[in-house]
Amino acid sequence: MRCHDAAPLTPFAFGHTFGFIKYFWAVSSKASGGVGVDQRQSVSLQRTEEAMRRLGSAIDRLESAAARVGAGDLLLAGELRGAHDDYARLEETTRLVAERLDHAILRLHDLLED
């Protein structure tokens, strides 16, 4: 099976694949110094190593982007918590104002009946 015949990786599969690809890249780059490799195999190996370097770089960029998104989620969670706190304070203020208005209306009603 050739590389482009393989099933494409889904975002779900990346989490389990990153470590293996980095390990494979490290192992293949150490193994590239073999003696007696003919020129065609050497060119193929060089292309493979270059592809692995590009893949490793892409994985690093993906991991960096995922970390930034995670940090963004933390900021959003903090803002949401703040909004909930503001809502709770406003709800309490509204309750107090409503009670005072009810008492004022009752007093006015009592005064007008007399």
PDB file of N, CA and C in Angstrom:
ATOM      1  N   MET A   1       0.843  -1.172   0.000  1.00  0.00           N
ATOM      2  CA  MET A   1       0.000   0.000   0.000  1.00  0.00           C
ATOM      3  C   MET A   1       0.888   1.234   0.000  1.00  0.00           C
ATOM      4  N   ARG A   2       0.588   2.197  -0.853  1.00  0.00           N
ATOM      5  CA  ARG A   2       1.347   3.443  -0.893  1.00  0.00           C
ATOM      6  C   ARG A   2       0.769   4.410   0.137  1.00  0.00           C
ATOM      7  N   CYS A   3       1.551   5.457   0.486  1.00  0.00           N
ATOM      8  CA  CYS A   3       1.129   6.418   1.502  1.00  0.00           C
ATOM      9  C   CYS A   3      -0.196   7.083   1.158  1.00  0.00           C
ATOM     10  N   HIS A   4      -0.360   7.479  -0.107  1.00  0.00           N
ATOM     11  CA  HIS A   4      -1.588   8.205  -0.450  1.00  0.00           C
ATOM     12  C   HIS A   4      -2.784   7.278  -0.591  1.00  0.00           C
ATOM     13  N   ASP A   5      -2.564   5.947  -0.532  1.00  0.00           N
ATOM     14  CA  ASP A   5      -3.672   4.993  -0.560  1.00  0.00           C
ATOM     15  C   ASP A   5      -4.259   4.785   0.829  1.00  0.00           C
ATOM     16  N   ALA A   6      -3.541   5.199   1.852  1.00  0.00           N
ATOM     17  CA  ALA A   6      -4.001   4.974   3.224  1.00  0.00           C
ATOM     18  C   ALA A   6      -5.201   5.856   3.523  1.00  0.00           C
ATOM     19  N   ALA A   7      -6.003   5.425   4.475  1.00  0.00           N
ATOM     20  CA  ALA A   7      -7.168   6.213   4.888  1.00  0.00           C
ATOM     21  C   ALA A   7      -6.694   7.509   5.528  1.00  0.00           C
ATOM     22  N   PRO A   8      -7.357   8.615   5.251  1.00  0.00           N
ATOM     23  CA  PRO A   8      -6.930   9.898   5.831  1.00  0.00           C
ATOM     24  C   PRO A   8      -7.141   9.901   7.339  1.00  0.00           C
ATOM     25  N   LEU A   9      -6.292  10.652   8.035  1.00  0.00           N
ATOM     26  CA  LEU A   9      -6.434  10.773   9.479  1.00  0.00           C
ATOM     27  C   LEU A   9      -7.560  11.743   9.799  1.00  0.00           C
ATOM     28  N   THR A  10      -8.334  11.412  10.774  1.00  0.00           N
ATOM     29  CA  THR A  10      -9.380  12.320  11.222  1.00  0.00           C
ATOM     30  C   THR A  10      -8.851  13.100  12.409  1.00  0.00           C
ATOM     31  N   PRO A  11      -9.456  14.255  12.760  1.00  0.00           N
ATOM     32  CA  PRO A  11      -8.985  15.015  13.923  1.00  0.00           C
ATOM     33  C   PRO A  11      -8.969  14.173  15.189  1.00  0.00           C
ATOM     34  N   PHE A  12      -9.911  13.216  15.314  1.00  0.00           N
ATOM     35  CA  PHE A  12      -9.945  12.363  16.492  1.00  0.00           C
ATOM     36  C   PHE A  12      -8.693  11.495  16.578  1.00  0.00           C
ATOM     37  N   ALA A  13      -8.204  11.066  15.432  1.00  0.00           N
ATOM     38  CA  ALA A  13      -7.053  10.164  15.418  1.00  0.00           C
ATOM     39  C   ALA A  13      -5.745  10.887  15.712  1.00  0.00           C
ATOM     40  N   PHE A  14      -5.686  12.220  15.547  1.00  0.00           N
ATOM     41  CA  PHE A  14      -4.432  12.934  15.724  1.00  0.00           C
ATOM     42  C   PHE A  14      -3.865  12.790  17.126  1.00  0.00           C
ATOM     43  N   GLY A  15      -4.704  12.844  18.134  1.00  0.00           N
ATOM     44  CA  GLY A  15      -4.206  12.777  19.500  1.00  0.00           C
ATOM     45  C   GLY A  15      -3.388  11.523  19.761  1.00  0.00           C
ATOM     46  N   HIS A  16      -3.776  10.412  19.173  1.00  0.00           N
ATOM     47  CA  HIS A  16      -3.066   9.156  19.374  1.00  0.00           C
ATOM     48  C   HIS A  16      -1.912   8.998  18.394  1.00  0.00           C
ATOM     49  N   THR A  17      -1.895   9.796  17.342  1.00  0.00           N
ATOM     50  CA  THR A  17      -0.918   9.633  16.279  1.00  0.00           C
ATOM     51  C   THR A  17       0.303  10.506  16.460  1.00  0.00           C
ATOM     52  N   PHE A  18       0.169  11.675  17.108  1.00  0.00           N
ATOM     53  CA  PHE A  18       1.269  12.628  17.221  1.00  0.00           C
ATOM     54  C   PHE A  18       2.536  11.998  17.786  1.00  0.00           C
ATOM     55  N   GLY A  19       2.416  11.341  18.920  1.00  0.00           N
ATOM     56  CA  GLY A  19       3.593  10.758  19.567  1.00  0.00           C
ATOM     57  C   GLY A  19       4.264   9.714  18.700  1.00  0.00           C
ATOM     58  N   PHE A  20       3.472   8.841  18.054  1.00  0.00           N
ATOM     59  CA  PHE A  20       4.040   7.802  17.202  1.00  0.00           C
ATOM     60  C   PHE A  20       4.800   8.401  16.033  1.00  0.00           C
ATOM     61  N   ILE A  21       4.208   9.427  15.399  1.00  0.00           N
ATOM     62  CA  ILE A  21       4.856  10.031  14.235  1.00  0.00           C
ATOM     63  C   ILE A  21       6.166  10.685  14.645  1.00  0.00           C
ATOM     64  N   LYS A  22       6.180  11.397  15.768  1.00  0.00           N
ATOM     65  CA  LYS A  22       7.422  12.021  16.229  1.00  0.00           C
ATOM     66  C   LYS A  22       8.478  10.954  16.543  1.00  0.00           C
ATOM     67  N   TYR A  23       8.064   9.835  17.155  1.00  0.00           N
ATOM     68  CA  TYR A  23       8.986   8.751  17.463  1.00  0.00           C
ATOM     69  C   TYR A  23       9.533   8.155  16.172  1.00  0.00           C
ATOM     70  N   PHE A  24       8.627   7.887  15.212  1.00  0.00           N
ATOM     71  CA  PHE A  24       9.043   7.299  13.943  1.00  0.00           C
ATOM     72  C   PHE A  24      10.013   8.221  13.220  1.00  0.00           C
ATOM     73  N   TRP A  25       9.756   9.525  13.266  1.00  0.00           N
ATOM     74  CA  TRP A  25      10.615  10.515  12.621  1.00  0.00           C
ATOM     75  C   TRP A  25      12.008  10.478  13.240  1.00  0.00           C
ATOM     76  N   ALA A  26      12.079  10.399  14.568  1.00  0.00           N
ATOM     77  CA  ALA A  26      13.378  10.365  15.242  1.00  0.00           C
ATOM     78  C   ALA A  26      14.138   9.085  14.893  1.00  0.00           C
ATOM     79  N   VAL A  27      13.433   7.961  14.895  1.00  0.00           N
ATOM     80  CA  VAL A  27      14.074   6.683  14.592  1.00  0.00           C
ATOM     81  C   VAL A  27      14.534   6.639  13.139  1.00  0.00           C
ATOM     82  N   SER A  28      13.698   7.117  12.210  1.00  0.00           N
ATOM     83  CA  SER A  28      14.074   7.034  10.795  1.00  0.00           C
ATOM     84  C   SER A  28      15.244   7.957  10.474  1.00  0.00           C
ATOM     85  N   SER A  29      15.322   9.105  11.161  1.00  0.00           N
ATOM     86  CA  SER A  29      16.440  10.003  10.871  1.00  0.00           C
ATOM     87  C   SER A  29      17.753   9.429  11.404  1.00  0.00           C
ATOM     88  N   LYS A  30      17.705   8.634  12.491  1.00  0.00           N
ATOM     89  CA  LYS A  30      18.916   7.984  13.000  1.00  0.00           C
ATOM     90  C   LYS A  30      19.336   6.831  12.094  1.00  0.00           C
ATOM     91  N   ALA A  31      18.341   6.167  11.497  1.00  0.00           N
ATOM     92  CA  ALA A  31      18.633   4.992  10.671  1.00  0.00           C
ATOM     93  C   ALA A  31      19.092   5.373   9.272  1.00  0.00           C
ATOM     94  N   SER A  32      19.053   6.636   8.915  1.00  0.00           N
ATOM     95  CA  SER A  32      19.349   7.015   7.539  1.00  0.00           C
ATOM     96  C   SER A  32      20.829   6.951   7.190  1.00  0.00           C
ATOM     97  N   GLY A  33      21.704   6.763   8.141  1.00  0.00           N
ATOM     98  CA  GLY A  33      23.136   6.760   7.840  1.00  0.00           C
ATOM     99  C   GLY A  33      23.680   5.395   7.481  1.00  0.00           C
ATOM    100  N   GLY A  34      22.867   4.490   6.970  1.00  0.00           N
ATOM    101  CA  GLY A  34      23.302   3.133   6.672  1.00  0.00           C
ATOM    102  C   GLY A  34      24.336   3.070   5.567  1.00  0.00           C
ATOM    103  N   VAL A  35      25.198   2.057   5.605  1.00  0.00           N
ATOM    104  CA  VAL A  35      26.255   1.868   4.612  1.00  0.00           C
ATOM    105  C   VAL A  35      25.732   0.922   3.537  1.00  0.00           C
ATOM    106  N   GLY A  36      26.102   1.154   2.259  1.00  0.00           N
ATOM    107  CA  GLY A  36      25.740   0.253   1.169  1.00  0.00           C
ATOM    108  C   GLY A  36      24.364   0.523   0.582  1.00  0.00           C
ATOM    109  N   VAL A  37      23.784   1.666   0.841  1.00  0.00           N
ATOM    110  CA  VAL A  37      22.468   1.992   0.300  1.00  0.00           C
ATOM    111  C   VAL A  37      22.682   2.561  -1.102  1.00  0.00           C
ATOM    112  N   ASP A  38      22.022   1.973  -2.112  1.00  0.00           N
ATOM    113  CA  ASP A  38      22.233   2.496  -3.459  1.00  0.00           C
ATOM    114  C   ASP A  38      21.583   3.874  -3.614  1.00  0.00           C
ATOM    115  N   GLN A  39      21.874   4.533  -4.705  1.00  0.00           N
ATOM    116  CA  GLN A  39      21.483   5.934  -4.889  1.00  0.00           C
ATOM    117  C   GLN A  39      19.965   6.113  -4.900  1.00  0.00           C
ATOM    118  N   ARG A  40      19.241   5.190  -5.531  1.00  0.00           N
ATOM    119  CA  ARG A  40      17.781   5.311  -5.573  1.00  0.00           C
ATOM    120  C   ARG A  40      17.172   5.218  -4.183  1.00  0.00           C
ATOM    121  N   GLN A  41      17.645   4.276  -3.406  1.00  0.00           N
ATOM    122  CA  GLN A  41      17.148   4.139  -2.042  1.00  0.00           C
ATOM    123  C   GLN A  41      17.528   5.369  -1.218  1.00  0.00           C
ATOM    124  N   SER A  42      18.703   5.914  -1.459  1.00  0.00           N
ATOM    125  CA  SER A  42      19.153   7.099  -0.744  1.00  0.00           C
ATOM    126  C   SER A  42      18.259   8.291  -1.048  1.00  0.00           C
ATOM    127  N   VAL A  43      17.922   8.490  -2.331  1.00  0.00           N
ATOM    128  CA  VAL A  43      17.034   9.590  -2.715  1.00  0.00           C
ATOM    129  C   VAL A  43      15.655   9.380  -2.102  1.00  0.00           C
ATOM    130  N   SER A  44      15.187   8.137  -2.161  1.00  0.00           N
ATOM    131  CA  SER A  44      13.881   7.833  -1.577  1.00  0.00           C
ATOM    132  C   SER A  44      13.890   8.098  -0.071  1.00  0.00           C
ATOM    133  N   LEU A  45      14.970   7.697   0.586  1.00  0.00           N
ATOM    134  CA  LEU A  45      15.095   7.913   2.017  1.00  0.00           C
ATOM    135  C   LEU A  45      15.155   9.409   2.334  1.00  0.00           C
ATOM    136  N   GLN A  46      15.875  10.165   1.500  1.00  0.00           N
ATOM    137  CA  GLN A  46      15.950  11.615   1.712  1.00  0.00           C
ATOM    138  C   GLN A  46      14.572  12.257   1.563  1.00  0.00           C
ATOM    139  N   ARG A  47      13.831  11.822   0.570  1.00  0.00           N
ATOM    140  CA  ARG A  47      12.475  12.358   0.385  1.00  0.00           C
ATOM    141  C   ARG A  47      11.590  11.994   1.569  1.00  0.00           C
ATOM    142  N   THR A  48      11.732  10.763   2.024  1.00  0.00           N
ATOM    143  CA  THR A  48      10.941  10.332   3.177  1.00  0.00           C
ATOM    144  C   THR A  48      11.295  11.147   4.411  1.00  0.00           C
ATOM    145  N   GLU A  49      12.598  11.368   4.635  1.00  0.00           N
ATOM    146  CA  GLU A  49      13.024  12.161   5.783  1.00  0.00           C
ATOM    147  C   GLU A  49      12.500  13.588   5.693  1.00  0.00           C
ATOM    148  N   GLU A  50      12.559  14.166   4.484  1.00  0.00           N
ATOM    149  CA  GLU A  50      12.048  15.531   4.299  1.00  0.00           C
ATOM    150  C   GLU A  50      10.542  15.568   4.563  1.00  0.00           C
ATOM    151  N   ALA A  51       9.824  14.562   4.073  1.00  0.00           N
ATOM    152  CA  ALA A  51       8.380  14.496   4.327  1.00  0.00           C
ATOM    153  C   ALA A  51       8.110  14.353   5.819  1.00  0.00           C
ATOM    154  N   MET A  52       8.905  13.550   6.508  1.00  0.00           N
ATOM    155  CA  MET A  52       8.728  13.378   7.950  1.00  0.00           C
ATOM    156  C   MET A  52       9.026  14.686   8.693  1.00  0.00           C
ATOM    157  N   ARG A  53      10.058  15.430   8.246  1.00  0.00           N
ATOM    158  CA  ARG A  53      10.351  16.732   8.865  1.00  0.00           C
ATOM    159  C   ARG A  53       9.172  17.693   8.683  1.00  0.00           C
ATOM    160  N   ARG A  54       8.619  17.722   7.457  1.00  0.00           N
ATOM    161  CA  ARG A  54       7.471  18.603   7.206  1.00  0.00           C
ATOM    162  C   ARG A  54       6.274  18.172   8.045  1.00  0.00           C
ATOM    163  N   LEU A  55       6.066  16.865   8.144  1.00  0.00           N
ATOM    164  CA  LEU A  55       4.965  16.347   8.956  1.00  0.00           C
ATOM    165  C   LEU A  55       5.171  16.703  10.423  1.00  0.00           C
ATOM    166  N   GLY A  56       6.383  16.537  10.915  1.00  0.00           N
ATOM    167  CA  GLY A  56       6.677  16.901  12.305  1.00  0.00           C
ATOM    168  C   GLY A  56       6.440  18.376  12.562  1.00  0.00           C
ATOM    169  N   SER A  57       6.838  19.207  11.608  1.00  0.00           N
ATOM    170  CA  SER A  57       6.608  20.648  11.728  1.00  0.00           C
ATOM    171  C   SER A  57       5.116  20.960  11.737  1.00  0.00           C
ATOM    172  N   ALA A  58       4.365  20.297  10.873  1.00  0.00           N
ATOM    173  CA  ALA A  58       2.920  20.511  10.831  1.00  0.00           C
ATOM    174  C   ALA A  58       2.266  20.074  12.136  1.00  0.00           C
ATOM    175  N   ILE A  59       2.731  18.961  12.686  1.00  0.00           N
ATOM    176  CA  ILE A  59       2.189  18.479  13.959  1.00  0.00           C
ATOM    177  C   ILE A  59       2.485  19.479  15.069  1.00  0.00           C
ATOM    178  N   ASP A  60       3.708  20.006  15.077  1.00  0.00           N
ATOM    179  CA  ASP A  60       4.046  21.022  16.080  1.00  0.00           C
ATOM    180  C   ASP A  60       3.127  22.232  15.969  1.00  0.00           C
ATOM    181  N   ARG A  61       2.839  22.663  14.735  1.00  0.00           N
ATOM    182  CA  ARG A  61       1.942  23.811  14.548  1.00  0.00           C
ATOM    183  C   ARG A  61       0.532  23.477  15.020  1.00  0.00           C
ATOM    184  N   LEU A  62       0.071  22.257  14.742  1.00  0.00           N
ATOM    185  CA  LEU A  62      -1.256  21.838  15.206  1.00  0.00           C
ATOM    186  C   LEU A  62      -1.332  21.811  16.728  1.00  0.00           C
ATOM    187  N   GLU A  63      -0.308  21.274  17.357  1.00  0.00           N
ATOM    188  CA  GLU A  63      -0.290  21.228  18.822  1.00  0.00           C
ATOM    189  C   GLU A  63      -0.265  22.630  19.413  1.00  0.00           C
ATOM    190  N   SER A  64       0.483  23.516  18.792  1.00  0.00           N
ATOM    191  CA  SER A  64       0.536  24.905  19.253  1.00  0.00           C
ATOM    192  C   SER A  64      -0.829  25.570  19.112  1.00  0.00           C
ATOM    193  N   ALA A  65      -1.479  25.336  17.982  1.00  0.00           N
ATOM    194  CA  ALA A  65      -2.810  25.905  17.771  1.00  0.00           C
ATOM    195  C   ALA A  65      -3.804  25.337  18.775  1.00  0.00           C
ATOM    196  N   ALA A  66      -3.700  24.039  19.052  1.00  0.00           N
ATOM    197  CA  ALA A  66      -4.601  23.418  20.027  1.00  0.00           C
ATOM    198  C   ALA A  66      -4.386  24.016  21.412  1.00  0.00           C
ATOM    199  N   ALA A  67      -3.132  24.307  21.770  1.00  0.00           N
ATOM    200  CA  ALA A  67      -2.844  24.921  23.064  1.00  0.00           C
ATOM    201  C   ALA A  67      -3.438  26.323  23.131  1.00  0.00           C
ATOM    202  N   ARG A  68      -3.354  27.082  22.034  1.00  0.00           N
ATOM    203  CA  ARG A  68      -3.939  28.430  22.014  1.00  0.00           C
ATOM    204  C   ARG A  68      -5.450  28.363  22.158  1.00  0.00           C
ATOM    205  N   VAL A  69      -6.079  27.407  21.501  1.00  0.00           N
ATOM    206  CA  VAL A  69      -7.529  27.254  21.617  1.00  0.00           C
ATOM    207  C   VAL A  69      -7.889  26.901  23.053  1.00  0.00           C
ATOM    208  N   GLY A  70      -7.100  26.026  23.672  1.00  0.00           N
ATOM    209  CA  GLY A  70      -7.347  25.672  25.061  1.00  0.00           C
ATOM    210  C   GLY A  70      -7.247  26.884  25.966  1.00  0.00           C
ATOM    211  N   ALA A  71      -6.264  27.751  25.727  1.00  0.00           N
ATOM    212  CA  ALA A  71      -6.125  28.972  26.520  1.00  0.00           C
ATOM    213  C   ALA A  71      -7.321  29.882  26.286  1.00  0.00           C
ATOM    214  N   GLY A  72      -7.791  29.937  25.047  1.00  0.00           N
ATOM    215  CA  GLY A  72      -8.975  30.741  24.741  1.00  0.00           C
ATOM    216  C   GLY A  72     -10.201  30.233  25.473  1.00  0.00           C
ATOM    217  N   ASP A  73     -10.314  28.897  25.589  1.00  0.00           N
ATOM    218  CA  ASP A  73     -11.427  28.308  26.332  1.00  0.00           C
ATOM    219  C   ASP A  73     -11.385  28.726  27.796  1.00  0.00           C
ATOM    220  N   LEU A  74     -10.177  28.787  28.375  1.00  0.00           N
ATOM    221  CA  LEU A  74     -10.052  29.208  29.766  1.00  0.00           C
ATOM    222  C   LEU A  74     -10.484  30.663  29.933  1.00  0.00           C
ATOM    223  N   LEU A  75     -10.102  31.515  28.984  1.00  0.00           N
ATOM    224  CA  LEU A  75     -10.522  32.921  29.045  1.00  0.00           C
ATOM    225  C   LEU A  75     -12.035  33.040  28.937  1.00  0.00           C
ATOM    226  N   LEU A  76     -12.622  32.283  28.025  1.00  0.00           N
ATOM    227  CA  LEU A  76     -14.077  32.315  27.881  1.00  0.00           C
ATOM    228  C   LEU A  76     -14.775  31.807  29.131  1.00  0.00           C
ATOM    229  N   ALA A  77     -14.222  30.783  29.747  1.00  0.00           N
ATOM    230  CA  ALA A  77     -14.815  30.256  30.976  1.00  0.00           C
ATOM    231  C   ALA A  77     -14.784  31.313  32.072  1.00  0.00           C
ATOM    232  N   GLY A  78     -13.679  32.057  32.173  1.00  0.00           N
ATOM    233  CA  GLY A  78     -13.582  33.134  33.163  1.00  0.00           C
ATOM    234  C   GLY A  78     -14.592  34.238  32.887  1.00  0.00           C
ATOM    235  N   GLU A  79     -14.746  34.607  31.621  1.00  0.00           N
ATOM    236  CA  GLU A  79     -15.728  35.630  31.265  1.00  0.00           C
ATOM    237  C   GLU A  79     -17.144  35.150  31.563  1.00  0.00           C
ATOM    238  N   LEU A  80     -17.419  33.889  31.294  1.00  0.00           N
ATOM    239  CA  LEU A  80     -18.740  33.335  31.578  1.00  0.00           C
ATOM    240  C   LEU A  80     -19.019  33.348  33.072  1.00  0.00           C
ATOM    241  N   ARG A  81     -18.018  32.977  33.873  1.00  0.00           N
ATOM    242  CA  ARG A  81     -18.169  32.998  35.324  1.00  0.00           C
ATOM    243  C   ARG A  81     -18.464  34.422  35.798  1.00  0.00           C
ATOM    244  N   GLY A  82     -17.756  35.408  35.238  1.00  0.00           N
ATOM    245  CA  GLY A  82     -17.996  36.806  35.581  1.00  0.00           C
ATOM    246  C   GLY A  82     -19.399  37.252  35.206  1.00  0.00           C
ATOM    247  N   ALA A  83     -19.861  36.815  34.036  1.00  0.00           N
ATOM    248  CA  ALA A  83     -21.216  37.163  33.597  1.00  0.00           C
ATOM    249  C   ALA A  83     -22.260  36.556  34.530  1.00  0.00           C
ATOM    250  N   HIS A  84     -22.031  35.332  34.989  1.00  0.00           N
ATOM    251  CA  HIS A  84     -22.952  34.694  35.943  1.00  0.00           C
ATOM    252  C   HIS A  84     -22.983  35.476  37.252  1.00  0.00           C
ATOM    253  N   ASP A  85     -21.826  35.918  37.729  1.00  0.00           N
ATOM    254  CA  ASP A  85     -21.767  36.707  38.965  1.00  0.00           C
ATOM    255  C   ASP A  85     -22.522  38.022  38.799  1.00  0.00           C
ATOM    256  N   ASP A  86     -22.301  38.699  37.660  1.00  0.00           N
ATOM    257  CA  ASP A  86     -23.023  39.949  37.386  1.00  0.00           C
ATOM    258  C   ASP A  86     -24.528  39.709  37.359  1.00  0.00           C
ATOM    259  N   TYR A  87     -24.941  38.629  36.727  1.00  0.00           N
ATOM    260  CA  TYR A  87     -26.359  38.299  36.641  1.00  0.00           C
ATOM    261  C   TYR A  87     -26.949  38.075  38.036  1.00  0.00           C
ATOM    262  N   ALA A  88     -26.212  37.361  38.884  1.00  0.00           N
ATOM    263  CA  ALA A  88     -26.702  37.098  40.239  1.00  0.00           C
ATOM    264  C   ALA A  88     -26.867  38.418  41.013  1.00  0.00           C
ATOM    265  N   ARG A  89     -25.899  39.351  40.885  1.00  0.00           N
ATOM    266  CA  ARG A  89     -26.009  40.645  41.571  1.00  0.00           C
ATOM    267  C   ARG A  89     -27.198  41.437  41.035  1.00  0.00           C
ATOM    268  N   LEU A  90     -27.374  41.444  39.722  1.00  0.00           N
ATOM    269  CA  LEU A  90     -28.506  42.170  39.137  1.00  0.00           C
ATOM    270  C   LEU A  90     -29.844  41.552  39.542  1.00  0.00           C
ATOM    271  N   GLU A  91     -29.870  40.259  39.625  1.00  0.00           N
ATOM    272  CA  GLU A  91     -31.095  39.575  40.039  1.00  0.00           C
ATOM    273  C   GLU A  91     -31.465  39.955  41.473  1.00  0.00           C
ATOM    274  N   GLU A  92     -30.485  40.013  42.352  1.00  0.00           N
ATOM    275  CA  GLU A  92     -30.723  40.403  43.744  1.00  0.00           C
ATOM    276  C   GLU A  92     -31.185  41.862  43.820  1.00  0.00           C
ATOM    277  N   THR A  93     -30.547  42.742  43.062  1.00  0.00           N
ATOM    278  CA  THR A  93     -30.947  44.149  43.038  1.00  0.00           C
ATOM    279  C   THR A  93     -32.384  44.293  42.536  1.00  0.00           C
ATOM    280  N   THR A  94     -32.725  43.560  41.499  1.00  0.00           N
ATOM    281  CA  THR A  94     -34.086  43.589  40.961  1.00  0.00           C
ATOM    282  C   THR A  94     -35.096  43.123  41.999  1.00  0.00           C
ATOM    283  N   ARG A  95     -34.755  42.084  42.735  1.00  0.00           N
ATOM    284  CA  ARG A  95     -35.658  41.571  43.773  1.00  0.00           C
ATOM    285  C   ARG A  95     -35.894  42.627  44.846  1.00  0.00           C
ATOM    286  N   LEU A  96     -34.815  43.300  45.293  1.00  0.00           N
ATOM    287  CA  LEU A  96     -34.950  44.331  46.325  1.00  0.00           C
ATOM    288  C   LEU A  96     -35.792  45.511  45.832  1.00  0.00           C
ATOM    289  N   VAL A  97     -35.551  45.955  44.610  1.00  0.00           N
ATOM    290  CA  VAL A  97     -36.318  47.073  44.045  1.00  0.00           C
ATOM    291  C   VAL A  97     -37.790  46.683  43.932  1.00  0.00           C
ATOM    292  N   ALA A  98     -38.068  45.470  43.492  1.00  0.00           N
ATOM    293  CA  ALA A  98     -39.450  45.010  43.357  1.00  0.00           C
ATOM    294  C   ALA A  98     -40.148  44.987  44.718  1.00  0.00           C
ATOM    295  N   GLU A  99     -39.454  44.535  45.760  1.00  0.00           N
ATOM    296  CA  GLU A  99     -40.038  44.528  47.111  1.00  0.00           C
ATOM    297  C   GLU A  99     -40.352  45.950  47.572  1.00  0.00           C
ATOM    298  N   ARG A 100     -39.435  46.862  47.368  1.00  0.00           N
ATOM    299  CA  ARG A 100     -39.646  48.255  47.786  1.00  0.00           C
ATOM    300  C   ARG A 100     -40.809  48.887  47.025  1.00  0.00           C
ATOM    301  N   LEU A 101     -40.881  48.622  45.733  1.00  0.00           N
ATOM    302  CA  LEU A 101     -41.997  49.156  44.955  1.00  0.00           C
ATOM    303  C   LEU A 101     -43.325  48.582  45.431  1.00  0.00           C
ATOM    304  N   ASP A 102     -43.347  47.294  45.717  1.00  0.00           N
ATOM    305  CA  ASP A 102     -44.577  46.675  46.227  1.00  0.00           C
ATOM    306  C   ASP A 102     -45.006  47.331  47.538  1.00  0.00           C
ATOM    307  N   HIS A 103     -44.050  47.570  48.444  1.00  0.00           N
ATOM    308  CA  HIS A 103     -44.379  48.216  49.726  1.00  0.00           C
ATOM    309  C   HIS A 103     -44.872  49.650  49.499  1.00  0.00           C
ATOM    310  N   ALA A 104     -44.227  50.369  48.586  1.00  0.00           N
ATOM    311  CA  ALA A 104     -44.645  51.744  48.293  1.00  0.00           C
ATOM    312  C   ALA A 104     -46.046  51.768  47.699  1.00  0.00           C
ATOM    313  N   ILE A 105     -46.341  50.852  46.812  1.00  0.00           N
ATOM    314  CA  ILE A 105     -47.683  50.779  46.207  1.00  0.00           C
ATOM    315  C   ILE A 105     -48.721  50.457  47.259  1.00  0.00           C
ATOM    316  N   LEU A 106     -48.418  49.534  48.165  1.00  0.00           N
ATOM    317  CA  LEU A 106     -49.359  49.185  49.235  1.00  0.00           C
ATOM    318  C   LEU A 106     -49.618  50.386  50.146  1.00  0.00           C
ATOM    319  N   ARG A 107     -48.548  51.127  50.482  1.00  0.00           N
ATOM    320  CA  ARG A 107     -48.719  52.302  51.341  1.00  0.00           C
ATOM    321  C   ARG A 107     -49.565  53.358  50.641  1.00  0.00           C
ATOM    322  N   LEU A 108     -49.303  53.588  49.358  1.00  0.00           N
ATOM    323  CA  LEU A 108     -50.105  54.553  48.610  1.00  0.00           C
ATOM    324  C   LEU A 108     -51.564  54.105  48.524  1.00  0.00           C
ATOM    325  N   HIS A 109     -51.760  52.836  48.309  1.00  0.00           N
ATOM    326  CA  HIS A 109     -53.128  52.285  48.237  1.00  0.00           C
ATOM    327  C   HIS A 109     -53.846  52.493  49.575  1.00  0.00           C
ATOM    328  N   ASP A 110     -53.121  52.225  50.684  1.00  0.00           N
ATOM    329  CA  ASP A 110     -53.710  52.425  52.012  1.00  0.00           C
ATOM    330  C   ASP A 110     -54.031  53.892  52.253  1.00  0.00           C
ATOM    331  N   LEU A 111     -53.147  54.807  51.852  1.00  0.00           N
ATOM    332  CA  LEU A 111     -53.356  56.231  52.035  1.00  0.00           C
ATOM    333  C   LEU A 111     -54.555  56.731  51.221  1.00  0.00           C
ATOM    334  N   LEU A 112     -54.697  56.226  49.996  1.00  0.00           N
ATOM    335  CA  LEU A 112     -55.789  56.654  49.143  1.00  0.00           C
ATOM    336  C   LEU A 112     -57.133  56.129  49.623  1.00  0.00           C
ATOM    337  N   GLU A 113     -57.179  55.005  50.291  1.00  0.00           N
ATOM    338  CA  GLU A 113     -58.431  54.435  50.798  1.00  0.00           C
ATOM    339  C   GLU A 113     -58.915  55.207  52.014  1.00  0.00           C
ATOM    340  N   ASP A 114     -58.013  55.770  52.764  1.00  0.00           N
ATOM    341  CA  ASP A 114     -58.416  56.521  53.974  1.00  0.00           C
ATOM    342  C   ASP A 114     -59.004  57.803  53.643  1.00  0.00           C
TER     343      ASP A 114
END
